[in-house]
């Protein structure tokens, strides 16, 4: 993907504030921790602005965030775009009538759900999370939004781990994907 010089500079700035935690949660895993991005107000603003400016002229109807770090990003981006925020949660956390979607994990499966009145048919939605690994959560979120008739105009995350295949799976599912930092070969 070709990036403008300004985008490349922003991506490098953001990358400098992502902490790598070796051997967490299991030996051999290099965990990409975004909490330093959130703790520094200047970096957090640069991060949010990168997403807001991307979708400002597209005028989505809502921003959907994936449990749990997608809530942090999605809520702020939705506020800045002056649109509603849709939480997509792990099963059993939402109090109202829900629609659910299950997906496979490395070992076992998981289910996410969303309120049945979270979006309307025809709504144009941006779907956001912090990191793309295997792509299961984001593709489940895409299917949930589609079940209720929404159009997901783009998926987004701060970090892509392309070697795990998730970003390609998401694109293969028909969802354009925007990420700021990738850790190919790391």
N, C-alpha and C. Protein backbone atom coordinates (compact mmCIF):
# COMPACT_ATOMS: atom_id res chain seq x y z
N UNK A 1 0.84 -1.18 0.00
CA UNK A 1 0.00 0.00 0.00
C UNK A 1 0.89 1.24 0.00
N UNK A 2 0.62 2.17 -0.90
CA UNK A 2 1.38 3.42 -1.00
C UNK A 2 0.83 4.41 0.02
N UNK A 3 1.71 4.96 0.82
CA UNK A 3 1.29 5.95 1.81
C UNK A 3 1.90 7.30 1.46
N UNK A 4 1.18 8.35 1.75
CA UNK A 4 1.75 9.67 1.56
C UNK A 4 2.85 9.88 2.59
N UNK A 5 3.71 10.84 2.35
CA UNK A 5 4.79 11.12 3.28
C UNK A 5 4.24 11.50 4.65
N UNK A 6 3.20 12.34 4.68
CA UNK A 6 2.61 12.74 5.95
C UNK A 6 2.06 11.53 6.70
N UNK A 7 1.38 10.64 5.97
CA UNK A 7 0.83 9.44 6.60
C UNK A 7 1.96 8.56 7.14
N UNK A 8 3.03 8.41 6.36
CA UNK A 8 4.17 7.59 6.80
C UNK A 8 4.80 8.18 8.06
N UNK A 9 4.92 9.49 8.11
CA UNK A 9 5.47 10.14 9.30
C UNK A 9 4.57 9.91 10.51
N UNK A 10 3.26 10.03 10.31
CA UNK A 10 2.31 9.79 11.40
C UNK A 10 2.39 8.34 11.86
N UNK A 11 2.44 7.41 10.91
CA UNK A 11 2.53 5.98 11.26
C UNK A 11 3.80 5.71 12.06
N UNK A 12 4.92 6.30 11.66
CA UNK A 12 6.17 6.11 12.41
C UNK A 12 6.06 6.68 13.82
N UNK A 13 5.43 7.86 13.94
CA UNK A 13 5.24 8.51 15.24
C UNK A 13 4.40 7.61 16.15
N UNK A 14 3.33 7.05 15.59
CA UNK A 14 2.45 6.17 16.36
C UNK A 14 3.19 4.88 16.75
N UNK A 15 3.93 4.30 15.80
CA UNK A 15 4.69 3.07 16.05
C UNK A 15 5.65 3.26 17.23
N UNK A 16 6.26 4.43 17.34
CA UNK A 16 7.21 4.70 18.43
C UNK A 16 6.56 4.63 19.81
N UNK A 17 5.24 4.72 19.84
CA UNK A 17 4.52 4.74 21.11
C UNK A 17 3.75 3.44 21.37
N UNK A 18 4.02 2.41 20.57
CA UNK A 18 3.44 1.09 20.80
C UNK A 18 4.50 0.25 21.50
N UNK A 19 4.14 -0.29 22.63
CA UNK A 19 5.08 -1.08 23.43
C UNK A 19 4.96 -2.55 23.01
N UNK A 20 6.10 -3.19 22.83
CA UNK A 20 6.12 -4.63 22.56
C UNK A 20 6.46 -5.35 23.86
N UNK A 21 5.57 -6.26 24.25
CA UNK A 21 5.77 -7.04 25.47
C UNK A 21 6.07 -8.47 25.05
N UNK A 22 7.34 -8.92 25.23
CA UNK A 22 7.68 -10.28 24.80
C UNK A 22 7.06 -11.35 25.69
N UNK A 23 6.72 -12.47 25.07
CA UNK A 23 6.23 -13.66 25.78
C UNK A 23 4.96 -13.41 26.59
N UNK A 24 4.06 -12.57 26.04
CA UNK A 24 2.77 -12.35 26.70
C UNK A 24 1.68 -12.40 25.65
N UNK A 25 0.60 -13.10 25.84
CA UNK A 25 0.22 -13.86 27.02
C UNK A 25 0.80 -15.26 27.08
N UNK A 26 1.63 -15.61 26.08
CA UNK A 26 2.23 -16.95 26.05
C UNK A 26 3.65 -16.85 25.51
N UNK A 27 4.49 -17.80 25.82
CA UNK A 27 5.86 -17.79 25.32
C UNK A 27 5.90 -17.69 23.80
N UNK A 28 6.80 -16.83 23.29
CA UNK A 28 6.97 -16.66 21.86
C UNK A 28 6.10 -15.58 21.25
N UNK A 29 5.09 -15.09 21.98
CA UNK A 29 4.21 -14.05 21.46
C UNK A 29 4.85 -12.68 21.73
N UNK A 30 4.86 -11.84 20.70
CA UNK A 30 5.29 -10.45 20.85
C UNK A 30 4.01 -9.61 20.91
N UNK A 31 3.54 -9.27 22.11
CA UNK A 31 2.28 -8.56 22.27
C UNK A 31 2.47 -7.08 21.97
N UNK A 32 1.63 -6.54 21.09
CA UNK A 32 1.69 -5.11 20.73
C UNK A 32 0.71 -4.36 21.61
N UNK A 33 1.25 -3.63 22.57
CA UNK A 33 0.46 -2.94 23.59
C UNK A 33 0.23 -1.49 23.18
N UNK A 34 -1.04 -1.13 22.96
CA UNK A 34 -1.37 0.24 22.54
C UNK A 34 -1.60 1.20 23.69
N UNK A 35 -1.56 0.71 24.95
CA UNK A 35 -1.88 1.62 26.06
C UNK A 35 -0.97 2.84 26.13
N UNK A 36 0.32 2.78 25.76
CA UNK A 36 1.10 4.03 25.76
C UNK A 36 0.54 5.09 24.81
N UNK A 37 -0.10 4.67 23.72
CA UNK A 37 -0.73 5.63 22.80
C UNK A 37 -1.85 6.39 23.49
N UNK A 38 -2.55 5.69 24.37
CA UNK A 38 -3.71 6.28 25.04
C UNK A 38 -3.29 7.17 26.21
N UNK A 39 -2.15 6.88 26.80
CA UNK A 39 -1.71 7.60 27.99
C UNK A 39 -1.12 8.96 27.67
N UNK A 40 -0.62 9.13 26.46
CA UNK A 40 0.01 10.38 26.07
C UNK A 40 -1.02 11.21 25.29
N UNK A 41 -1.47 12.34 25.83
CA UNK A 41 -2.56 13.08 25.17
C UNK A 41 -2.23 13.55 23.76
N UNK A 42 -0.99 13.92 23.51
CA UNK A 42 -0.62 14.37 22.16
C UNK A 42 -0.68 13.21 21.18
N UNK A 43 -0.12 12.06 21.56
CA UNK A 43 -0.12 10.90 20.68
C UNK A 43 -1.55 10.41 20.45
N UNK A 44 -2.35 10.39 21.51
CA UNK A 44 -3.74 9.95 21.39
C UNK A 44 -4.50 10.85 20.41
N UNK A 45 -4.27 12.14 20.48
CA UNK A 45 -4.93 13.09 19.57
C UNK A 45 -4.48 12.85 18.12
N UNK A 46 -3.19 12.65 17.90
CA UNK A 46 -2.68 12.38 16.55
C UNK A 46 -3.33 11.10 16.01
N UNK A 47 -3.40 10.08 16.85
CA UNK A 47 -4.01 8.80 16.46
C UNK A 47 -5.47 8.99 16.06
N UNK A 48 -6.25 9.61 16.91
CA UNK A 48 -7.68 9.81 16.64
C UNK A 48 -7.87 10.67 15.40
N UNK A 49 -7.07 11.74 15.27
CA UNK A 49 -7.20 12.62 14.10
C UNK A 49 -6.94 11.88 12.80
N UNK A 50 -6.02 10.92 12.82
CA UNK A 50 -5.73 10.14 11.61
C UNK A 50 -6.99 9.42 11.13
N UNK A 51 -7.74 8.84 12.06
CA UNK A 51 -8.99 8.17 11.69
C UNK A 51 -10.08 9.17 11.32
N UNK A 52 -10.25 10.21 12.11
CA UNK A 52 -11.31 11.19 11.87
C UNK A 52 -11.14 11.84 10.50
N UNK A 53 -9.93 12.26 10.18
CA UNK A 53 -9.70 12.92 8.89
C UNK A 53 -9.96 11.97 7.73
N UNK A 54 -9.70 10.69 7.94
CA UNK A 54 -9.93 9.71 6.88
C UNK A 54 -11.42 9.62 6.52
N UNK A 55 -12.29 9.69 7.51
CA UNK A 55 -13.73 9.47 7.26
C UNK A 55 -14.56 10.75 7.30
N UNK A 56 -13.94 11.87 7.53
CA UNK A 56 -14.69 13.12 7.69
C UNK A 56 -15.60 13.40 6.50
N UNK A 57 -15.07 13.29 5.30
CA UNK A 57 -15.87 13.58 4.10
C UNK A 57 -16.77 12.42 3.67
N UNK A 58 -16.49 11.21 4.16
CA UNK A 58 -17.34 10.06 3.84
C UNK A 58 -18.65 10.08 4.61
N UNK A 59 -18.67 10.82 5.71
CA UNK A 59 -19.87 10.98 6.53
C UNK A 59 -20.59 9.66 6.83
N UNK A 60 -19.93 8.76 7.57
CA UNK A 60 -20.64 7.53 7.95
C UNK A 60 -21.81 7.85 8.88
N UNK A 61 -22.75 6.93 8.98
CA UNK A 61 -23.89 7.11 9.88
C UNK A 61 -23.55 6.70 11.31
N UNK A 62 -22.54 5.82 11.46
CA UNK A 62 -22.15 5.35 12.79
C UNK A 62 -20.74 4.78 12.73
N UNK A 63 -20.15 4.67 13.91
CA UNK A 63 -18.89 3.97 14.08
C UNK A 63 -19.16 2.81 15.02
N UNK A 64 -18.79 1.60 14.61
CA UNK A 64 -18.94 0.42 15.46
C UNK A 64 -17.56 0.04 15.98
N UNK A 65 -17.48 -0.24 17.29
CA UNK A 65 -16.23 -0.62 17.91
C UNK A 65 -16.31 -2.03 18.46
N UNK A 66 -15.22 -2.78 18.29
CA UNK A 66 -15.16 -4.16 18.76
C UNK A 66 -14.61 -4.22 20.18
N UNK A 67 -15.25 -5.02 21.01
CA UNK A 67 -14.91 -5.23 22.41
C UNK A 67 -13.45 -5.67 22.53
N UNK A 68 -12.63 -5.02 23.32
CA UNK A 68 -12.92 -3.88 24.17
C UNK A 68 -12.13 -2.65 23.73
N UNK A 69 -10.92 -2.84 23.18
CA UNK A 69 -10.14 -1.65 22.84
C UNK A 69 -10.73 -0.88 21.66
N UNK A 70 -11.52 -1.53 20.83
CA UNK A 70 -12.23 -0.82 19.77
C UNK A 70 -13.25 0.16 20.32
N UNK A 71 -13.69 -0.06 21.57
CA UNK A 71 -14.61 0.89 22.21
C UNK A 71 -13.92 2.22 22.45
N UNK A 72 -12.67 2.15 22.90
CA UNK A 72 -11.92 3.37 23.22
C UNK A 72 -11.77 4.22 21.98
N UNK A 73 -11.29 3.61 20.91
CA UNK A 73 -11.08 4.35 19.66
C UNK A 73 -12.40 4.75 19.03
N UNK A 74 -13.31 3.79 18.91
CA UNK A 74 -14.56 4.03 18.20
C UNK A 74 -15.41 5.11 18.82
N UNK A 75 -15.49 5.13 20.14
CA UNK A 75 -16.33 6.14 20.80
C UNK A 75 -15.80 7.55 20.55
N UNK A 76 -14.48 7.71 20.63
CA UNK A 76 -13.90 9.04 20.41
C UNK A 76 -14.04 9.45 18.95
N UNK A 77 -13.79 8.53 18.03
CA UNK A 77 -13.93 8.83 16.60
C UNK A 77 -15.38 9.18 16.28
N UNK A 78 -16.34 8.43 16.82
CA UNK A 78 -17.76 8.72 16.59
C UNK A 78 -18.11 10.12 17.10
N UNK A 79 -17.62 10.45 18.28
CA UNK A 79 -17.87 11.78 18.85
C UNK A 79 -17.33 12.87 17.92
N UNK A 80 -16.10 12.69 17.46
CA UNK A 80 -15.47 13.70 16.59
C UNK A 80 -16.17 13.81 15.24
N UNK A 81 -16.74 12.71 14.74
CA UNK A 81 -17.47 12.73 13.47
C UNK A 81 -18.93 13.13 13.65
N UNK A 82 -19.35 13.30 14.91
CA UNK A 82 -20.73 13.65 15.24
C UNK A 82 -21.73 12.60 14.75
N UNK A 83 -21.37 11.33 14.99
CA UNK A 83 -22.26 10.21 14.65
C UNK A 83 -22.38 9.31 15.87
N UNK A 84 -23.30 8.36 15.81
CA UNK A 84 -23.50 7.45 16.92
C UNK A 84 -22.41 6.39 17.00
N UNK A 85 -22.30 5.80 18.19
CA UNK A 85 -21.34 4.72 18.42
C UNK A 85 -22.09 3.42 18.71
N UNK A 86 -21.65 2.33 18.09
CA UNK A 86 -22.25 1.01 18.26
C UNK A 86 -21.24 0.07 18.90
N UNK A 87 -21.49 -0.39 20.14
CA UNK A 87 -20.59 -1.38 20.74
C UNK A 87 -20.93 -2.79 20.25
N UNK A 88 -19.91 -3.50 19.80
CA UNK A 88 -20.06 -4.92 19.48
C UNK A 88 -19.33 -5.66 20.59
N UNK A 89 -20.11 -6.39 21.41
CA UNK A 89 -19.59 -6.95 22.66
C UNK A 89 -19.45 -8.45 22.62
N UNK A 90 -18.68 -8.94 23.57
CA UNK A 90 -18.62 -10.38 23.79
C UNK A 90 -19.99 -10.84 24.28
N UNK A 91 -20.35 -12.07 23.94
CA UNK A 91 -21.68 -12.61 24.26
C UNK A 91 -22.00 -12.48 25.75
N UNK A 92 -23.26 -12.09 26.01
CA UNK A 92 -23.77 -12.05 27.37
C UNK A 92 -23.58 -10.73 28.10
N UNK A 93 -23.10 -9.70 27.42
CA UNK A 93 -22.81 -8.41 28.07
C UNK A 93 -23.84 -7.33 27.77
N UNK A 94 -24.69 -7.54 26.76
CA UNK A 94 -25.65 -6.51 26.38
C UNK A 94 -27.04 -6.83 26.95
N UNK A 95 -27.75 -5.83 27.47
CA UNK A 95 -28.99 -6.08 28.20
C UNK A 95 -30.25 -6.21 27.34
N UNK A 96 -30.22 -5.73 26.10
CA UNK A 96 -31.42 -5.68 25.27
C UNK A 96 -31.38 -6.84 24.27
N UNK A 97 -32.38 -6.93 23.41
CA UNK A 97 -32.43 -7.96 22.38
C UNK A 97 -31.20 -7.85 21.48
N UNK A 98 -30.56 -8.99 21.21
CA UNK A 98 -29.32 -8.96 20.44
C UNK A 98 -29.37 -9.89 19.23
N UNK A 99 -28.44 -9.64 18.33
CA UNK A 99 -28.14 -10.54 17.23
C UNK A 99 -26.70 -10.97 17.48
N UNK A 100 -26.37 -12.22 17.17
CA UNK A 100 -25.02 -12.71 17.50
C UNK A 100 -24.36 -13.37 16.31
N UNK A 101 -23.04 -13.45 16.40
CA UNK A 101 -22.23 -14.07 15.35
C UNK A 101 -21.06 -14.77 16.03
N UNK A 102 -20.85 -16.04 15.70
CA UNK A 102 -19.73 -16.79 16.26
C UNK A 102 -18.60 -16.86 15.25
N UNK A 103 -17.40 -17.03 15.74
CA UNK A 103 -16.23 -17.15 14.87
C UNK A 103 -15.20 -18.03 15.54
N UNK A 104 -14.32 -18.55 14.71
CA UNK A 104 -13.31 -19.49 15.20
C UNK A 104 -12.09 -18.77 15.73
N UNK A 105 -11.57 -19.29 16.81
CA UNK A 105 -10.30 -18.84 17.38
C UNK A 105 -9.28 -19.95 17.14
N UNK A 106 -8.04 -19.69 17.50
CA UNK A 106 -7.01 -20.70 17.31
C UNK A 106 -7.41 -22.00 18.00
N UNK A 107 -7.95 -21.87 19.22
CA UNK A 107 -8.44 -23.03 19.96
C UNK A 107 -9.85 -22.73 20.42
N UNK A 108 -10.85 -23.24 19.70
CA UNK A 108 -12.23 -23.04 20.10
C UNK A 108 -12.90 -21.96 19.27
N UNK A 109 -13.94 -21.35 19.86
CA UNK A 109 -14.67 -20.30 19.16
C UNK A 109 -15.12 -19.25 20.15
N UNK A 110 -15.59 -18.13 19.61
CA UNK A 110 -16.10 -17.04 20.44
C UNK A 110 -17.33 -16.47 19.74
N UNK A 111 -18.10 -15.70 20.48
CA UNK A 111 -19.31 -15.10 19.94
C UNK A 111 -19.35 -13.63 20.34
N UNK A 112 -19.71 -12.79 19.38
CA UNK A 112 -19.94 -11.38 19.65
C UNK A 112 -21.40 -11.07 19.35
N UNK A 113 -21.90 -10.02 19.97
CA UNK A 113 -23.28 -9.64 19.73
C UNK A 113 -23.46 -8.13 19.76
N UNK A 114 -24.61 -7.72 19.25
CA UNK A 114 -24.94 -6.32 19.10
C UNK A 114 -26.45 -6.19 19.30
N UNK A 115 -26.89 -5.05 19.82
CA UNK A 115 -28.32 -4.83 19.95
C UNK A 115 -28.98 -4.80 18.58
N UNK A 116 -30.19 -5.34 18.51
CA UNK A 116 -30.91 -5.42 17.23
C UNK A 116 -31.29 -4.04 16.69
N UNK A 117 -31.31 -3.03 17.54
CA UNK A 117 -31.66 -1.68 17.08
C UNK A 117 -30.43 -0.77 16.95
N UNK A 118 -29.24 -1.36 16.92
CA UNK A 118 -28.00 -0.57 16.89
C UNK A 118 -27.80 0.15 15.57
N UNK A 119 -28.21 -0.47 14.47
CA UNK A 119 -28.12 0.15 13.15
C UNK A 119 -29.41 -0.16 12.40
N UNK A 120 -29.64 0.64 11.36
CA UNK A 120 -30.81 0.45 10.51
C UNK A 120 -30.36 0.01 9.12
N UNK A 121 -31.23 -0.67 8.38
CA UNK A 121 -30.88 -1.02 7.00
C UNK A 121 -30.45 0.23 6.23
N UNK A 122 -29.35 0.10 5.50
CA UNK A 122 -28.84 1.23 4.72
C UNK A 122 -27.83 2.10 5.44
N UNK A 123 -27.71 1.96 6.77
CA UNK A 123 -26.71 2.75 7.49
C UNK A 123 -25.32 2.42 6.97
N UNK A 124 -24.50 3.45 6.85
CA UNK A 124 -23.11 3.29 6.43
C UNK A 124 -22.25 3.38 7.68
N UNK A 125 -21.48 2.32 7.95
CA UNK A 125 -20.79 2.17 9.23
C UNK A 125 -19.30 1.94 9.00
N UNK A 126 -18.49 2.52 9.88
CA UNK A 126 -17.07 2.22 9.97
C UNK A 126 -16.89 1.28 11.15
N UNK A 127 -16.11 0.21 10.97
CA UNK A 127 -15.88 -0.80 12.01
C UNK A 127 -14.43 -0.70 12.47
N UNK A 128 -14.22 -0.54 13.77
CA UNK A 128 -12.86 -0.25 14.25
C UNK A 128 -12.46 -1.14 15.42
N UNK A 129 -11.19 -1.51 15.45
CA UNK A 129 -10.58 -2.26 16.54
C UNK A 129 -9.15 -1.77 16.71
N UNK A 130 -8.46 -2.28 17.70
CA UNK A 130 -7.09 -1.82 17.92
C UNK A 130 -6.08 -2.57 17.06
N UNK A 131 -6.34 -3.87 16.79
CA UNK A 131 -5.32 -4.70 16.17
C UNK A 131 -5.98 -5.79 15.33
N UNK A 132 -5.38 -6.09 14.18
CA UNK A 132 -5.83 -7.20 13.34
C UNK A 132 -4.83 -8.33 13.48
N UNK A 133 -5.29 -9.48 13.99
CA UNK A 133 -4.43 -10.67 14.08
C UNK A 133 -4.96 -11.68 13.07
N UNK A 134 -5.86 -12.56 13.50
CA UNK A 134 -6.41 -13.56 12.58
C UNK A 134 -7.62 -13.04 11.80
N UNK A 135 -8.18 -11.91 12.22
CA UNK A 135 -9.30 -11.30 11.51
C UNK A 135 -10.67 -11.81 11.91
N UNK A 136 -10.72 -12.77 12.84
CA UNK A 136 -12.00 -13.37 13.21
C UNK A 136 -12.99 -12.41 13.83
N UNK A 137 -12.51 -11.58 14.74
CA UNK A 137 -13.42 -10.65 15.41
C UNK A 137 -13.99 -9.63 14.43
N UNK A 138 -13.13 -9.07 13.58
CA UNK A 138 -13.62 -8.06 12.64
C UNK A 138 -14.56 -8.66 11.60
N UNK A 139 -14.28 -9.85 11.10
CA UNK A 139 -15.20 -10.43 10.12
C UNK A 139 -16.53 -10.79 10.79
N UNK A 140 -16.50 -11.20 12.05
CA UNK A 140 -17.76 -11.46 12.78
C UNK A 140 -18.54 -10.15 12.95
N UNK A 141 -17.84 -9.06 13.28
CA UNK A 141 -18.49 -7.75 13.39
C UNK A 141 -19.10 -7.32 12.07
N UNK A 142 -18.39 -7.56 10.98
CA UNK A 142 -18.90 -7.24 9.64
C UNK A 142 -20.20 -8.01 9.39
N UNK A 143 -20.19 -9.31 9.67
CA UNK A 143 -21.40 -10.12 9.44
C UNK A 143 -22.57 -9.66 10.32
N UNK A 144 -22.28 -9.29 11.56
CA UNK A 144 -23.34 -8.78 12.45
C UNK A 144 -24.00 -7.54 11.86
N UNK A 145 -23.17 -6.59 11.46
CA UNK A 145 -23.70 -5.34 10.90
C UNK A 145 -24.49 -5.60 9.63
N UNK A 146 -24.00 -6.52 8.80
CA UNK A 146 -24.70 -6.87 7.57
C UNK A 146 -26.04 -7.56 7.85
N UNK A 147 -26.10 -8.36 8.92
CA UNK A 147 -27.36 -9.03 9.29
C UNK A 147 -28.48 -8.02 9.51
N UNK A 148 -28.11 -6.84 10.03
CA UNK A 148 -29.11 -5.81 10.30
C UNK A 148 -29.25 -4.84 9.12
N UNK A 149 -28.62 -5.14 8.00
CA UNK A 149 -28.80 -4.35 6.79
C UNK A 149 -27.86 -3.17 6.62
N UNK A 150 -26.87 -3.03 7.50
CA UNK A 150 -25.92 -1.93 7.37
C UNK A 150 -24.86 -2.25 6.32
N UNK A 151 -24.27 -1.22 5.78
CA UNK A 151 -23.14 -1.35 4.87
C UNK A 151 -21.89 -0.90 5.63
N UNK A 152 -20.93 -1.79 5.75
CA UNK A 152 -19.68 -1.42 6.42
C UNK A 152 -18.77 -0.84 5.34
N UNK A 153 -18.50 0.47 5.42
CA UNK A 153 -17.74 1.13 4.36
C UNK A 153 -16.24 0.89 4.51
N UNK A 154 -15.78 0.63 5.73
CA UNK A 154 -14.36 0.32 5.92
C UNK A 154 -14.16 -0.25 7.31
N UNK A 155 -13.21 -1.16 7.40
CA UNK A 155 -12.71 -1.64 8.68
C UNK A 155 -11.41 -0.92 8.96
N UNK A 156 -11.06 -0.76 10.23
CA UNK A 156 -9.84 -0.05 10.57
C UNK A 156 -9.27 -0.56 11.88
N UNK A 157 -7.95 -0.43 11.99
CA UNK A 157 -7.25 -0.77 13.22
C UNK A 157 -5.95 0.02 13.26
N UNK A 158 -5.40 0.13 14.45
CA UNK A 158 -4.10 0.78 14.58
C UNK A 158 -3.03 -0.13 14.02
N UNK A 159 -3.04 -1.41 14.44
CA UNK A 159 -1.97 -2.35 14.15
C UNK A 159 -2.46 -3.51 13.29
N UNK A 160 -1.65 -3.87 12.30
CA UNK A 160 -1.89 -5.08 11.50
C UNK A 160 -0.72 -6.03 11.72
N UNK A 161 -1.05 -7.28 11.99
CA UNK A 161 -0.05 -8.35 12.05
C UNK A 161 -0.28 -9.23 10.82
N UNK A 162 0.21 -8.79 9.65
CA UNK A 162 -0.17 -9.43 8.38
C UNK A 162 0.22 -10.90 8.28
N UNK A 163 1.26 -11.33 8.97
CA UNK A 163 1.69 -12.72 8.87
C UNK A 163 0.67 -13.69 9.46
N UNK A 164 -0.25 -13.19 10.29
CA UNK A 164 -1.30 -14.04 10.85
C UNK A 164 -2.49 -14.19 9.90
N UNK A 165 -2.46 -13.45 8.78
CA UNK A 165 -3.45 -13.64 7.72
C UNK A 165 -4.77 -12.92 7.90
N UNK A 166 -4.98 -12.23 9.01
CA UNK A 166 -6.27 -11.62 9.27
C UNK A 166 -6.63 -10.51 8.30
N UNK A 167 -5.68 -9.64 7.98
CA UNK A 167 -6.00 -8.53 7.09
C UNK A 167 -6.41 -9.05 5.71
N UNK A 168 -5.76 -10.11 5.26
CA UNK A 168 -6.14 -10.69 3.96
C UNK A 168 -7.52 -11.33 4.05
N UNK A 169 -7.81 -12.03 5.16
CA UNK A 169 -9.15 -12.65 5.33
C UNK A 169 -10.24 -11.57 5.32
N UNK A 170 -9.97 -10.45 5.97
CA UNK A 170 -10.95 -9.36 6.03
C UNK A 170 -11.20 -8.82 4.63
N UNK A 171 -10.13 -8.57 3.89
CA UNK A 171 -10.28 -8.07 2.52
C UNK A 171 -10.99 -9.10 1.65
N UNK A 172 -10.66 -10.38 1.84
CA UNK A 172 -11.32 -11.44 1.07
C UNK A 172 -12.81 -11.51 1.38
N UNK A 173 -13.20 -11.08 2.58
CA UNK A 173 -14.62 -11.04 2.95
C UNK A 173 -15.33 -9.82 2.34
N UNK A 174 -14.57 -9.00 1.60
CA UNK A 174 -15.17 -7.86 0.91
C UNK A 174 -15.10 -6.55 1.66
N UNK A 175 -14.36 -6.51 2.76
CA UNK A 175 -14.29 -5.28 3.55
C UNK A 175 -12.97 -4.56 3.29
N UNK A 176 -13.02 -3.33 2.78
CA UNK A 176 -11.79 -2.55 2.68
C UNK A 176 -11.23 -2.35 4.09
N UNK A 177 -9.91 -2.36 4.22
CA UNK A 177 -9.28 -2.29 5.53
C UNK A 177 -8.21 -1.21 5.54
N UNK A 178 -8.22 -0.39 6.59
CA UNK A 178 -7.22 0.66 6.79
C UNK A 178 -6.52 0.40 8.12
N UNK A 179 -5.19 0.31 8.08
CA UNK A 179 -4.42 0.18 9.30
C UNK A 179 -3.29 1.21 9.25
N UNK A 180 -2.83 1.61 10.43
CA UNK A 180 -1.78 2.64 10.51
C UNK A 180 -0.38 2.05 10.56
N UNK A 181 -0.20 0.96 11.30
CA UNK A 181 1.12 0.39 11.55
C UNK A 181 1.06 -1.10 11.30
N UNK A 182 1.99 -1.63 10.50
CA UNK A 182 2.04 -3.09 10.41
C UNK A 182 3.38 -3.60 10.91
N UNK A 183 3.30 -4.80 11.42
CA UNK A 183 4.48 -5.47 11.98
C UNK A 183 4.82 -6.69 11.15
N UNK A 184 4.91 -6.52 9.83
CA UNK A 184 5.29 -7.61 8.95
C UNK A 184 6.71 -8.05 9.28
N UNK A 185 6.90 -9.35 9.40
CA UNK A 185 8.23 -9.88 9.65
C UNK A 185 8.75 -9.72 11.06
N UNK A 186 7.88 -9.32 11.98
CA UNK A 186 8.31 -9.12 13.38
C UNK A 186 7.74 -10.21 14.26
